[in-house]
């Protein structure tokens, strides 16, 4: 009887640990999803910045070329 009680207690402890691991895994998954969304937003902003930078560089190059031609 005592062995059965010990086994039952150990099984209960294992189940408790598994539940904690499952909760932790779900929490990590949610955090990964949030981070992924943030990373994608930052990538979009970087792409916008690069497009704007390309436009500015293009305008600057044209202006510089006009100045060089006038000289």
Protein backbone atom coordinates (compact mmCIF):
# COMPACT_ATOMS: atom_id res chain seq x y z
CA UNK A 1 0.00 0.00 0.00
CA UNK A 2 2.83 2.37 0.86
CA UNK A 3 4.54 1.71 -2.49
CA UNK A 4 1.33 2.48 -4.33
CA UNK A 5 1.01 5.76 -2.47
CA UNK A 6 4.61 6.68 -3.31
CA UNK A 7 4.07 5.78 -6.95
CA UNK A 8 0.85 7.82 -7.06
CA UNK A 9 2.63 10.81 -5.51
CA UNK A 10 5.48 10.53 -8.01
CA UNK A 11 3.03 10.25 -10.89
CA UNK A 12 1.19 13.32 -9.61
CA UNK A 13 4.49 15.21 -9.36
CA UNK A 14 5.43 14.17 -12.92
CA UNK A 15 2.03 15.33 -14.19
CA UNK A 16 2.49 18.65 -12.37
CA UNK A 17 5.93 19.14 -13.93
CA UNK A 18 4.59 18.27 -17.38
CA UNK A 19 1.79 20.81 -16.94
CA UNK A 20 4.34 23.47 -15.98
CA UNK A 21 6.46 22.61 -19.02
CA UNK A 22 3.43 22.77 -21.28
CA UNK A 23 2.48 26.19 -19.88
CA UNK A 24 6.06 27.41 -20.31
CA UNK A 25 6.11 26.12 -23.89
CA UNK A 26 2.85 27.93 -24.69
CA UNK A 27 4.20 31.12 -23.13
CA UNK A 28 7.39 30.89 -25.18
CA UNK A 29 5.36 30.30 -28.35
CA UNK A 30 3.29 33.44 -27.68
CA UNK A 31 6.47 35.44 -27.09
CA UNK A 32 8.00 34.12 -30.31
CA UNK A 33 4.88 35.15 -32.24
CA UNK A 34 4.99 38.66 -30.73
CA UNK A 35 8.69 38.98 -31.56
CA UNK A 36 8.07 37.78 -35.09
CA UNK A 37 5.41 40.46 -35.60
CA UNK A 38 7.74 43.14 -34.25
CA UNK A 39 10.60 41.96 -36.45
CA UNK A 40 8.38 42.02 -39.54
CA UNK A 41 7.25 45.56 -38.68
CA UNK A 42 10.86 46.67 -38.30
CA UNK A 43 11.79 45.06 -41.61
CA UNK A 44 8.94 46.96 -43.28
CA UNK A 45 10.18 50.22 -41.77
CA UNK A 46 13.73 49.49 -42.92
CA UNK A 47 12.49 48.81 -46.43
CA UNK A 48 10.60 52.12 -46.38
CA UNK A 49 13.71 53.89 -45.12
CA UNK A 50 15.81 52.30 -47.87
CA UNK A 51 13.29 53.37 -50.52
CA UNK A 52 13.33 56.94 -49.20
CA UNK A 53 17.12 56.89 -49.01
CA UNK A 54 17.29 55.67 -52.61
CA UNK A 55 14.99 58.49 -53.72
CA UNK A 56 17.04 61.09 -51.85
CA UNK A 57 20.26 59.69 -53.29
CA UNK A 58 18.77 59.77 -56.77
CA UNK A 59 17.67 63.40 -56.40
CA UNK A 60 21.06 64.34 -54.96
CA UNK A 61 22.86 62.59 -57.83
CA UNK A 62 20.72 64.45 -60.39
CA UNK A 63 21.37 67.79 -58.70
CA UNK A 64 25.08 67.05 -58.53
CA UNK A 65 25.10 66.08 -62.20
CA UNK A 66 23.31 69.33 -63.11
CA UNK A 67 25.88 71.33 -61.16
CA UNK A 68 28.73 69.46 -62.83
CA UNK A 69 27.26 70.13 -66.26
CA UNK A 70 26.90 73.84 -65.50
CA UNK A 71 30.50 74.01 -64.41
